[in-house]
N, C-alpha and C. Protein backbone atom coordinates (compact mmCIF):
# COMPACT_ATOMS: atom_id res chain seq x y z
N MET A 1 0.83 -1.18 0.00
CA MET A 1 0.00 0.00 0.00
C MET A 1 0.87 1.23 0.00
N ALA A 2 0.43 2.18 -0.76
CA ALA A 2 1.16 3.43 -0.83
C ALA A 2 0.65 4.36 0.26
N SER A 3 1.55 4.94 0.97
CA SER A 3 1.13 5.85 2.04
C SER A 3 1.03 7.26 1.49
N LYS A 4 -0.01 7.94 1.91
CA LYS A 4 -0.20 9.33 1.47
C LYS A 4 0.63 10.23 2.37
N SER A 5 1.22 11.23 1.77
CA SER A 5 1.95 12.20 2.58
C SER A 5 1.00 13.33 2.97
N HIS A 6 1.05 13.68 4.21
CA HIS A 6 0.19 14.74 4.71
C HIS A 6 0.79 16.09 4.37
N PRO A 7 -0.07 17.08 4.12
CA PRO A 7 0.47 18.41 3.85
C PRO A 7 1.16 18.96 5.10
N PRO A 8 2.12 19.83 4.91
CA PRO A 8 2.82 20.38 6.09
C PRO A 8 1.85 21.22 6.93
N LEU A 9 2.07 21.18 8.23
CA LEU A 9 1.22 21.95 9.14
C LEU A 9 1.52 23.43 9.00
N MET A 10 0.47 24.21 8.97
CA MET A 10 0.63 25.66 8.83
C MET A 10 0.41 26.30 10.20
N LYS A 11 1.24 27.24 10.52
CA LYS A 11 1.06 27.99 11.76
C LYS A 11 0.06 29.10 11.52
N LYS A 12 -0.78 29.32 12.50
CA LYS A 12 -1.75 30.39 12.40
C LYS A 12 -1.08 31.70 12.80
N HIS A 13 -1.31 32.72 12.03
CA HIS A 13 -0.71 34.02 12.34
C HIS A 13 -1.45 34.64 13.51
N SER A 14 -0.71 35.24 14.41
CA SER A 14 -1.34 35.81 15.59
C SER A 14 -2.23 37.00 15.24
N GLN A 15 -1.88 37.72 14.19
CA GLN A 15 -2.68 38.89 13.82
C GLN A 15 -4.06 38.45 13.34
N SER A 16 -4.14 37.42 12.50
CA SER A 16 -5.44 36.96 12.03
C SER A 16 -6.23 36.34 13.17
N ASP A 17 -5.53 35.74 14.14
CA ASP A 17 -6.20 35.18 15.30
C ASP A 17 -6.87 36.29 16.12
N LEU A 18 -6.16 37.40 16.30
CA LEU A 18 -6.74 38.52 17.05
C LEU A 18 -7.91 39.13 16.31
N VAL A 19 -7.81 39.22 14.99
CA VAL A 19 -8.90 39.79 14.21
C VAL A 19 -10.13 38.88 14.29
N SER A 20 -9.91 37.57 14.20
CA SER A 20 -11.06 36.67 14.29
C SER A 20 -11.66 36.69 15.69
N ARG A 21 -10.83 36.84 16.72
CA ARG A 21 -11.35 36.95 18.08
C ARG A 21 -12.18 38.22 18.23
N LEU A 22 -11.71 39.33 17.66
CA LEU A 22 -12.46 40.58 17.72
C LEU A 22 -13.79 40.45 17.00
N LYS A 23 -13.78 39.80 15.83
CA LYS A 23 -15.03 39.60 15.09
C LYS A 23 -16.00 38.75 15.88
N THR A 24 -15.49 37.71 16.52
CA THR A 24 -16.36 36.85 17.34
C THR A 24 -16.95 37.62 18.50
N ARG A 25 -16.16 38.45 19.16
CA ARG A 25 -16.67 39.24 20.29
C ARG A 25 -17.71 40.26 19.82
N LYS A 26 -17.52 40.80 18.61
CA LYS A 26 -18.51 41.75 18.09
C LYS A 26 -19.82 41.04 17.79
N ILE A 27 -19.73 39.84 17.23
CA ILE A 27 -20.94 39.09 16.92
C ILE A 27 -21.69 38.74 18.20
N LEU A 28 -20.96 38.34 19.23
CA LEU A 28 -21.59 37.99 20.50
C LEU A 28 -22.07 39.22 21.27
N GLY A 29 -21.62 40.39 20.89
CA GLY A 29 -22.03 41.60 21.60
C GLY A 29 -21.25 41.84 22.86
N VAL A 30 -20.04 41.33 22.92
CA VAL A 30 -19.21 41.45 24.11
C VAL A 30 -18.06 42.40 23.80
N GLY A 31 -17.71 43.25 24.76
CA GLY A 31 -16.59 44.15 24.58
C GLY A 31 -16.99 45.55 24.15
N GLY A 32 -18.20 45.72 23.68
CA GLY A 32 -18.66 47.04 23.29
C GLY A 32 -19.35 47.74 24.44
N GLU A 33 -19.60 49.01 24.28
CA GLU A 33 -20.26 49.78 25.33
C GLU A 33 -21.77 49.67 25.18
N ASP A 34 -22.45 49.63 26.33
CA ASP A 34 -23.91 49.66 26.29
C ASP A 34 -24.40 51.09 26.45
N ASP A 35 -25.69 51.26 26.69
CA ASP A 35 -26.27 52.60 26.79
C ASP A 35 -25.73 53.39 27.98
N ASP A 36 -25.34 52.67 29.03
CA ASP A 36 -24.81 53.34 30.22
C ASP A 36 -23.33 53.65 30.11
N GLY A 37 -22.70 53.23 29.02
CA GLY A 37 -21.27 53.46 28.85
C GLY A 37 -20.40 52.41 29.51
N GLU A 38 -21.03 51.32 29.96
CA GLU A 38 -20.28 50.25 30.63
C GLU A 38 -19.80 49.24 29.61
N VAL A 39 -18.55 48.82 29.73
CA VAL A 39 -17.96 47.83 28.83
C VAL A 39 -18.06 46.47 29.49
N HIS A 40 -18.75 45.54 28.84
CA HIS A 40 -18.92 44.20 29.40
C HIS A 40 -17.80 43.30 28.91
N ARG A 41 -17.24 42.54 29.83
CA ARG A 41 -16.16 41.62 29.48
C ARG A 41 -16.69 40.26 29.06
N SER A 42 -17.90 39.94 29.44
CA SER A 42 -18.47 38.65 29.05
C SER A 42 -19.97 38.81 28.85
N LYS A 43 -20.54 37.83 28.17
CA LYS A 43 -21.98 37.84 27.94
C LYS A 43 -22.73 37.69 29.26
N LEU A 44 -22.15 36.94 30.19
CA LEU A 44 -22.78 36.74 31.49
C LEU A 44 -22.89 38.06 32.26
N SER A 45 -21.83 38.85 32.28
CA SER A 45 -21.90 40.13 32.98
C SER A 45 -22.84 41.09 32.27
N GLN A 46 -22.97 40.93 30.94
CA GLN A 46 -23.89 41.77 30.19
C GLN A 46 -25.33 41.42 30.56
N MET A 47 -25.60 40.14 30.75
CA MET A 47 -26.96 39.72 31.10
C MET A 47 -27.30 40.06 32.55
N LEU A 48 -26.32 39.94 33.45
CA LEU A 48 -26.58 40.22 34.86
C LEU A 48 -26.64 41.71 35.16
N GLY A 49 -25.99 42.51 34.34
CA GLY A 49 -25.98 43.94 34.57
C GLY A 49 -24.80 44.38 35.41
N ASN A 50 -24.91 45.55 35.99
CA ASN A 50 -23.83 46.13 36.77
C ASN A 50 -23.68 45.37 38.07
N ASP A 51 -22.45 44.93 38.38
CA ASP A 51 -22.22 44.14 39.58
C ASP A 51 -21.65 44.96 40.73
N ILE A 52 -21.62 46.27 40.61
CA ILE A 52 -21.07 47.11 41.69
C ILE A 52 -21.93 47.00 42.94
N LYS A 53 -23.25 46.86 42.77
CA LYS A 53 -24.13 46.79 43.93
C LYS A 53 -23.94 45.50 44.72
N TYR A 54 -23.33 44.47 44.09
CA TYR A 54 -23.09 43.22 44.77
C TYR A 54 -21.76 43.19 45.49
N GLN A 55 -20.91 44.15 45.24
CA GLN A 55 -19.59 44.16 45.86
C GLN A 55 -19.70 44.64 47.30
N VAL A 56 -18.73 44.23 48.09
CA VAL A 56 -18.70 44.62 49.49
C VAL A 56 -18.29 46.08 49.58
N ARG A 57 -18.96 46.82 50.42
CA ARG A 57 -18.62 48.24 50.59
C ARG A 57 -17.37 48.37 51.44
N GLU A 58 -16.62 49.43 51.18
CA GLU A 58 -15.40 49.66 51.96
C GLU A 58 -15.75 50.21 53.33
N PRO A 59 -14.90 50.00 54.31
CA PRO A 59 -15.17 50.52 55.65
C PRO A 59 -15.28 52.05 55.65
N VAL A 60 -15.99 52.57 56.62
CA VAL A 60 -16.30 54.00 56.67
C VAL A 60 -15.04 54.86 56.74
N GLY A 61 -14.10 54.52 57.58
CA GLY A 61 -12.93 55.36 57.79
C GLY A 61 -11.73 55.00 56.94
N LEU A 62 -11.90 54.12 55.95
CA LEU A 62 -10.75 53.67 55.18
C LEU A 62 -10.11 54.80 54.39
N ARG A 63 -10.92 55.59 53.69
CA ARG A 63 -10.37 56.70 52.90
C ARG A 63 -9.70 57.73 53.81
N LEU A 64 -10.30 57.99 54.95
CA LEU A 64 -9.72 58.95 55.90
C LEU A 64 -8.38 58.42 56.42
N TRP A 65 -8.32 57.13 56.74
CA TRP A 65 -7.08 56.55 57.23
C TRP A 65 -5.98 56.59 56.18
N ILE A 66 -6.34 56.30 54.93
CA ILE A 66 -5.35 56.35 53.85
C ILE A 66 -4.87 57.79 53.66
N ALA A 67 -5.78 58.77 53.76
CA ALA A 67 -5.39 60.17 53.60
C ALA A 67 -4.48 60.63 54.74
N ILE A 68 -4.79 60.23 55.97
CA ILE A 68 -3.95 60.61 57.12
C ILE A 68 -2.57 59.95 56.99
N SER A 69 -2.54 58.68 56.59
CA SER A 69 -1.26 57.99 56.41
C SER A 69 -0.44 58.64 55.30
N ALA A 70 -1.11 59.00 54.20
CA ALA A 70 -0.40 59.65 53.09
C ALA A 70 0.18 60.98 53.53
N PHE A 71 -0.58 61.75 54.30
CA PHE A 71 -0.11 63.04 54.79
C PHE A 71 1.10 62.85 55.72
N ALA A 72 1.00 61.89 56.64
CA ALA A 72 2.10 61.66 57.59
C ALA A 72 3.37 61.20 56.86
N PHE A 73 3.21 60.30 55.88
CA PHE A 73 4.37 59.84 55.12
C PHE A 73 4.98 60.99 54.33
N THR A 74 4.14 61.85 53.76
CA THR A 74 4.65 62.97 52.97
C THR A 74 5.43 63.95 53.85
N VAL A 75 4.88 64.27 55.01
CA VAL A 75 5.56 65.21 55.92
C VAL A 75 6.90 64.64 56.38
N MET A 76 6.91 63.37 56.76
CA MET A 76 8.16 62.76 57.22
C MET A 76 9.18 62.67 56.08
N ALA A 77 8.71 62.37 54.88
CA ALA A 77 9.62 62.28 53.74
C ALA A 77 10.22 63.65 53.41
N LEU A 78 9.40 64.68 53.43
CA LEU A 78 9.92 66.02 53.13
C LEU A 78 10.90 66.49 54.20
N MET A 79 10.62 66.14 55.46
CA MET A 79 11.56 66.50 56.52
C MET A 79 12.89 65.78 56.33
N ALA A 80 12.83 64.50 55.93
CA ALA A 80 14.06 63.74 55.73
C ALA A 80 14.84 64.23 54.52
N LEU A 81 14.15 64.72 53.51
CA LEU A 81 14.83 65.21 52.32
C LEU A 81 15.38 66.62 52.50
N VAL A 82 14.63 67.48 53.18
CA VAL A 82 15.03 68.88 53.30
C VAL A 82 16.02 69.09 54.45
N CYS A 83 15.71 68.58 55.61
CA CYS A 83 16.59 68.79 56.76
C CYS A 83 16.87 67.46 57.47
N PRO A 84 17.76 66.64 56.91
CA PRO A 84 18.01 65.31 57.49
C PRO A 84 18.71 65.35 58.84
N ASN A 85 19.61 66.31 59.04
CA ASN A 85 20.33 66.36 60.32
C ASN A 85 19.39 66.68 61.48
N GLN A 86 18.48 67.62 61.28
CA GLN A 86 17.54 67.99 62.34
C GLN A 86 16.58 66.83 62.64
N LEU A 87 16.17 66.12 61.60
CA LEU A 87 15.28 64.97 61.82
C LEU A 87 15.99 63.90 62.63
N TYR A 88 17.25 63.65 62.33
CA TYR A 88 18.02 62.66 63.08
C TYR A 88 18.16 63.08 64.54
N GLU A 89 18.40 64.36 64.77
CA GLU A 89 18.55 64.84 66.14
C GLU A 89 17.24 64.72 66.91
N VAL A 90 16.11 64.96 66.25
CA VAL A 90 14.82 64.87 66.93
C VAL A 90 14.48 63.42 67.26
N VAL A 91 14.74 62.52 66.33
CA VAL A 91 14.36 61.12 66.54
C VAL A 91 15.30 60.42 67.52
N PHE A 92 16.61 60.57 67.34
CA PHE A 92 17.56 59.81 68.14
C PHE A 92 18.19 60.62 69.28
N GLU A 93 17.91 61.88 69.38
CA GLU A 93 18.39 62.77 70.43
C GLU A 93 19.91 62.79 70.55
N GLU A 94 20.60 62.72 69.44
CA GLU A 94 22.05 62.89 69.41
C GLU A 94 22.43 63.48 68.06
N GLU A 95 23.56 64.12 68.02
CA GLU A 95 23.98 64.77 66.78
C GLU A 95 24.60 63.75 65.84
N ILE A 96 24.44 64.02 64.56
CA ILE A 96 25.01 63.15 63.54
C ILE A 96 26.29 63.80 63.03
N SER A 97 27.34 63.00 62.91
CA SER A 97 28.61 63.56 62.48
C SER A 97 28.96 63.19 61.04
N ASN A 98 28.41 62.08 60.55
CA ASN A 98 28.75 61.67 59.19
C ASN A 98 27.72 62.22 58.19
N THR A 99 27.84 61.80 56.97
CA THR A 99 26.96 62.34 55.92
C THR A 99 25.52 61.91 56.15
N SER A 100 24.63 62.67 55.58
CA SER A 100 23.21 62.41 55.78
C SER A 100 22.56 61.77 54.56
N ILE A 101 23.36 61.09 53.75
CA ILE A 101 22.81 60.48 52.53
C ILE A 101 21.83 59.36 52.85
N SER A 102 22.08 58.61 53.92
CA SER A 102 21.17 57.51 54.27
C SER A 102 19.80 58.05 54.69
N ILE A 103 19.78 59.16 55.37
CA ILE A 103 18.50 59.75 55.78
C ILE A 103 17.76 60.30 54.58
N ARG A 104 18.49 60.85 53.63
CA ARG A 104 17.84 61.33 52.39
C ARG A 104 17.28 60.17 51.57
N LEU A 105 17.99 59.05 51.53
CA LEU A 105 17.47 57.86 50.85
C LEU A 105 16.21 57.35 51.54
N TYR A 106 16.21 57.39 52.86
CA TYR A 106 15.02 57.04 53.64
C TYR A 106 13.86 57.96 53.28
N GLY A 107 14.16 59.25 53.14
CA GLY A 107 13.13 60.20 52.74
C GLY A 107 12.59 59.92 51.36
N GLY A 108 13.46 59.52 50.44
CA GLY A 108 13.00 59.17 49.10
C GLY A 108 12.09 57.95 49.11
N ALA A 109 12.44 56.96 49.93
CA ALA A 109 11.59 55.77 50.04
C ALA A 109 10.23 56.13 50.64
N LEU A 110 10.24 56.97 51.66
CA LEU A 110 8.97 57.40 52.26
C LEU A 110 8.13 58.22 51.28
N LEU A 111 8.79 59.03 50.47
CA LEU A 111 8.07 59.82 49.49
C LEU A 111 7.40 58.92 48.44
N SER A 112 8.08 57.88 48.02
CA SER A 112 7.46 56.96 47.05
C SER A 112 6.28 56.23 47.67
N LEU A 113 6.40 55.84 48.93
CA LEU A 113 5.26 55.22 49.61
C LEU A 113 4.10 56.19 49.77
N SER A 114 4.41 57.45 50.04
CA SER A 114 3.33 58.44 50.18
C SER A 114 2.62 58.69 48.85
N LEU A 115 3.37 58.63 47.75
CA LEU A 115 2.72 58.78 46.44
C LEU A 115 1.77 57.63 46.15
N ILE A 116 2.15 56.43 46.55
CA ILE A 116 1.25 55.28 46.40
C ILE A 116 0.01 55.47 47.25
N LEU A 117 0.19 55.96 48.46
CA LEU A 117 -0.98 56.20 49.33
C LEU A 117 -1.87 57.30 48.79
N TRP A 118 -1.29 58.39 48.26
CA TRP A 118 -2.11 59.45 47.67
C TRP A 118 -2.89 58.92 46.48
N ASN A 119 -2.30 58.00 45.72
CA ASN A 119 -3.03 57.37 44.62
C ASN A 119 -4.23 56.60 45.15
N GLY A 120 -4.09 55.97 46.29
CA GLY A 120 -5.19 55.22 46.89
C GLY A 120 -6.31 56.09 47.41
N VAL A 121 -6.01 57.34 47.74
CA VAL A 121 -7.06 58.23 48.23
C VAL A 121 -8.04 58.58 47.11
N TYR A 122 -7.53 58.76 45.90
CA TYR A 122 -8.36 59.26 44.81
C TYR A 122 -8.88 58.18 43.86
N THR A 123 -8.50 56.93 44.05
CA THR A 123 -8.90 55.90 43.10
C THR A 123 -10.26 55.32 43.46
N GLN A 124 -10.92 54.76 42.47
CA GLN A 124 -12.18 54.06 42.68
C GLN A 124 -12.01 52.56 42.52
N GLU A 125 -10.83 52.12 42.08
CA GLU A 125 -10.58 50.71 41.83
C GLU A 125 -10.39 49.96 43.16
N LYS A 126 -11.16 48.93 43.34
CA LYS A 126 -11.06 48.14 44.57
C LYS A 126 -9.74 47.38 44.65
N VAL A 127 -9.20 46.97 43.50
CA VAL A 127 -7.96 46.21 43.49
C VAL A 127 -6.80 47.07 43.99
N ILE A 128 -6.76 48.33 43.58
CA ILE A 128 -5.69 49.23 44.01
C ILE A 128 -5.77 49.48 45.50
N ILE A 129 -6.98 49.65 46.02
CA ILE A 129 -7.16 49.85 47.47
C ILE A 129 -6.74 48.61 48.24
N GLN A 130 -7.04 47.42 47.69
CA GLN A 130 -6.61 46.19 48.37
C GLN A 130 -5.10 46.08 48.40
N TRP A 131 -4.42 46.46 47.32
CA TRP A 131 -2.96 46.41 47.29
C TRP A 131 -2.37 47.43 48.28
N ILE A 132 -3.02 48.58 48.42
CA ILE A 132 -2.53 49.59 49.35
C ILE A 132 -2.68 49.09 50.78
N LYS A 133 -3.79 48.45 51.07
CA LYS A 133 -3.98 47.89 52.42
C LYS A 133 -2.97 46.78 52.69
N LEU A 134 -2.62 46.04 51.66
CA LEU A 134 -1.64 44.97 51.83
C LEU A 134 -0.27 45.55 52.17
């Protein structure tokens, strides 16, 4: 018996795959905006509607606590960056004789943390607030 040779396997191009996926999502009505301006990620969420009312509400003082923490971190960071020697004297009650580069680096780290906290004060995303609490 003569064996038939199979044609070589063709790789699917990723661009045509994305285009076909987009066409499929358009046909299903997923991914577009509805009348309220909400973008549905799946047909199930489109049928169920807005799920914000089912989510757990955040604690009453959470935003206030994040704002107070952000303010405290910002103040401490600015003090460490602007006047590191005086901050060292206030905290440790002794004079510093060597360079103050380590205190300035500490101030930079505190400033970056305070920027993350300030971002948490103004965001509406629950995931970002959870990461800030973590």
